[in-house]
Protein backbone atom coordinates (compact mmCIF):
# COMPACT_ATOMS: atom_id res chain seq x y z
CA MET A 1 -126.31 102.17 -26.46
CA SER A 2 -129.16 104.27 -25.13
CA LEU A 3 -130.41 107.82 -25.49
CA GLN A 4 -132.78 109.44 -23.01
CA ARG A 5 -134.62 112.70 -23.42
CA ASP A 6 -137.28 114.23 -21.24
CA SER A 7 -140.58 115.24 -22.85
CA ALA A 8 -140.66 118.31 -25.10
CA ALA A 9 -143.19 119.94 -22.78
CA THR A 10 -140.56 120.24 -20.05
CA VAL A 11 -137.70 121.62 -22.18
CA ALA A 12 -138.66 125.24 -21.51
CA ARG A 13 -138.87 124.66 -17.75
CA VAL A 14 -136.24 126.61 -15.84
CA PRO A 15 -135.03 124.96 -12.61
CA LEU A 16 -135.95 127.78 -10.23
CA ASP A 17 -135.19 125.68 -7.16
CA GLY A 18 -131.54 125.42 -8.16
CA GLN A 19 -131.77 121.69 -8.84
CA PRO A 20 -130.31 120.53 -12.16
CA PHE A 21 -132.79 119.37 -14.80
CA ARG A 22 -131.44 116.44 -16.85
CA MET A 23 -132.30 117.08 -20.47
CA ALA A 24 -130.57 114.03 -21.95
CA ALA A 25 -128.23 111.16 -21.20
CA LEU A 26 -126.25 109.08 -23.66
CA THR A 27 -124.29 105.88 -23.06
CA MET A 28 -122.15 104.62 -25.92
CA PRO A 29 -119.14 102.37 -26.48
CA ALA A 30 -115.80 104.03 -25.71
CA ASP A 31 -114.88 103.97 -29.38
CA LYS A 32 -114.06 106.86 -31.73
CA ASP A 33 -116.57 105.51 -34.26
CA TYR A 34 -119.36 106.62 -31.91
CA LEU A 35 -118.22 110.22 -31.39
CA ALA A 36 -120.75 111.41 -33.97
CA LEU A 37 -123.52 110.42 -31.53
CA ALA A 38 -122.01 112.61 -28.81
CA ARG A 39 -121.78 115.55 -31.23
CA LEU A 40 -125.35 115.03 -32.43
CA ALA A 41 -126.76 114.85 -28.89
CA THR A 42 -124.84 118.01 -27.97
CA MET A 43 -126.17 119.91 -30.98
CA HIS A 44 -129.72 118.84 -30.22
CA VAL A 45 -129.61 119.89 -26.55
CA ALA A 46 -127.87 123.19 -27.36
CA GLY A 47 -130.44 123.85 -30.08
CA LEU A 48 -133.31 123.22 -27.66
CA LEU A 49 -131.78 125.77 -25.30
CA GLY A 50 -131.47 128.34 -28.06
CA LEU A 51 -127.72 128.72 -27.82
CA PRO A 52 -126.40 130.99 -30.57
CA ILE A 53 -124.85 129.04 -33.46
CA GLY A 54 -121.31 130.01 -32.44
CA HIS A 55 -121.80 128.69 -28.89
CA LEU A 56 -123.54 125.58 -30.23
CA THR A 57 -120.61 124.69 -32.48
CA ASP A 58 -118.08 125.49 -29.72
CA LEU A 59 -119.94 123.23 -27.29
CA ARG A 60 -120.13 120.44 -29.87
CA LEU A 61 -116.37 120.65 -30.41
CA ALA A 62 -115.73 120.76 -26.64
CA VAL A 63 -117.79 117.59 -26.06
CA ASN A 64 -115.97 115.89 -28.92
CA GLU A 65 -112.60 116.85 -27.41
CA ALA A 66 -113.65 115.74 -23.90
CA CYS A 67 -114.69 112.34 -25.28
CA ALA A 68 -111.45 112.07 -27.26
CA LEU A 69 -109.38 112.74 -24.12
CA LEU A 70 -111.02 109.73 -22.48
CA LEU A 71 -110.66 107.54 -25.56
CA ASN A 72 -106.88 107.95 -25.51
CA ALA A 73 -106.46 105.91 -22.33
CA PRO A 74 -103.57 103.42 -22.64
CA ALA A 75 -104.04 99.66 -22.39
CA GLY A 76 -104.81 98.60 -18.86
CA HIS A 77 -106.58 101.88 -18.13
CA GLY A 78 -109.66 101.34 -20.24
CA ALA A 79 -108.13 101.24 -23.70
CA ALA A 80 -110.08 102.72 -26.60
CA GLY A 81 -112.92 100.41 -27.54
CA GLU A 82 -113.23 99.06 -23.98
CA GLY A 83 -115.99 100.13 -21.64
CA ALA A 84 -118.39 102.98 -22.25
CA LEU A 85 -118.62 106.73 -22.36
CA GLU A 86 -121.53 108.27 -20.48
CA LEU A 87 -122.71 111.78 -21.28
CA SER A 88 -125.21 113.75 -19.25
CA PHE A 89 -126.70 117.14 -20.17
CA GLU A 90 -128.16 119.04 -17.21
CA ARG A 91 -129.68 122.49 -17.28
CA CYS A 92 -129.11 124.54 -14.15
CA PRO A 93 -130.66 127.98 -13.53
CA ASP A 94 -127.90 129.87 -15.37
CA HIS A 95 -125.82 127.26 -17.19
CA LEU A 96 -125.73 123.95 -19.01
CA ARG A 97 -123.58 121.27 -17.38
CA VAL A 98 -122.25 118.50 -19.62
CA THR A 99 -120.64 115.56 -17.86
CA VAL A 100 -118.53 113.04 -19.77
CA ARG A 101 -117.52 109.91 -17.84
CA GLY A 102 -115.31 107.14 -19.17
CA PRO A 103 -112.00 105.29 -18.91
CA ALA A 104 -109.39 107.29 -17.00
CA PRO A 105 -106.21 108.26 -18.80
CA GLU A 106 -102.95 106.95 -17.32
CA ARG A 107 -102.14 110.48 -16.17
CA ARG A 108 -104.16 113.64 -15.77
CA PRO A 109 -103.91 115.84 -18.89
CA ASP A 110 -101.40 118.65 -18.63
CA THR A 111 -103.25 121.98 -18.52
CA GLU A 112 -100.86 123.18 -21.23
CA ASP A 113 -101.63 120.28 -23.62
CA ILE A 114 -103.50 121.32 -26.75
CA GLY A 115 -106.60 119.26 -25.88
CA TRP A 116 -107.00 120.96 -22.52
CA LEU A 117 -106.34 124.42 -23.99
CA VAL A 118 -109.02 123.78 -26.62
CA LEU A 119 -111.52 122.79 -23.93
CA ARG A 120 -110.79 125.92 -21.88
CA ALA A 121 -111.21 128.11 -24.94
CA LEU A 122 -114.54 126.57 -25.98
CA VAL A 123 -116.57 126.52 -22.73
CA ASN A 124 -116.86 128.75 -19.69
CA GLU A 125 -115.49 126.15 -17.26
CA VAL A 126 -113.88 122.72 -17.47
CA SER A 127 -112.83 120.37 -14.69
CA MET A 128 -111.70 116.76 -14.39
CA GLU A 129 -111.91 114.21 -11.59
CA ILE A 130 -110.28 110.79 -11.64
CA SER A 131 -111.43 108.01 -9.35
CA GLY A 132 -109.77 104.66 -9.92
CA ALA A 133 -110.18 103.66 -13.56
CA THR A 134 -112.90 106.26 -14.24
CA ALA A 135 -112.50 109.89 -15.25
CA THR A 136 -115.22 112.53 -15.24
CA LEU A 137 -114.92 115.70 -17.29
CA THR A 138 -117.41 118.46 -16.50
CA LEU A 139 -118.06 121.26 -18.98
CA ILE A 140 -120.06 124.37 -18.04
CA GLU A 141 -121.60 126.69 -20.62
CA THR A 142 -123.48 129.83 -19.53
CA LEU A 143 -127.04 130.03 -20.88
CA PRO A 144 -128.48 133.02 -22.74
CA ALA A 145 -130.28 135.51 -20.46
CA ARG A 146 -133.73 134.43 -21.69
CA TRP A 147 -133.30 131.06 -19.90
CA LYS A 148 -132.28 132.58 -16.57
CA PRO A 149 -134.81 132.97 -13.73
CA GLY A 150 -136.26 136.47 -13.50
CA TYR A 151 -135.52 137.37 -17.14
CA GLY A 152 -138.07 139.85 -18.43
CA SER A 153 -139.70 140.40 -15.03
């Protein structure tokens, strides 16, 4: 298990060139007992960005749900407890992008399933890609205006 975070001096930097700025990355066992680490990392990054408490808690719940969707893979498709979940938190000029990568579910979640509906309600955008035995969920949360280029100018 590893946790990466760039130096505190660069947290306030806004990526004016349009390139994402990776704030943190977390790799943990694909096991529900480690979900607290994903929630904690999410809260820390969201706090550093100054997200309002309501958005912070929504994002934390969305990351938890995204991880849970990948932990429910059936045997033979990366069963719970097998493999790893990888989370990446990247700040873009106007949004935070959270990527959760892990064992692919046997089938793509139905967009009317409760888990998917929860994700859509909690973040601005959600998407999923499946490649072989790996699934990648991407969550997008718009940043407050004070973090956007040109704010206050």
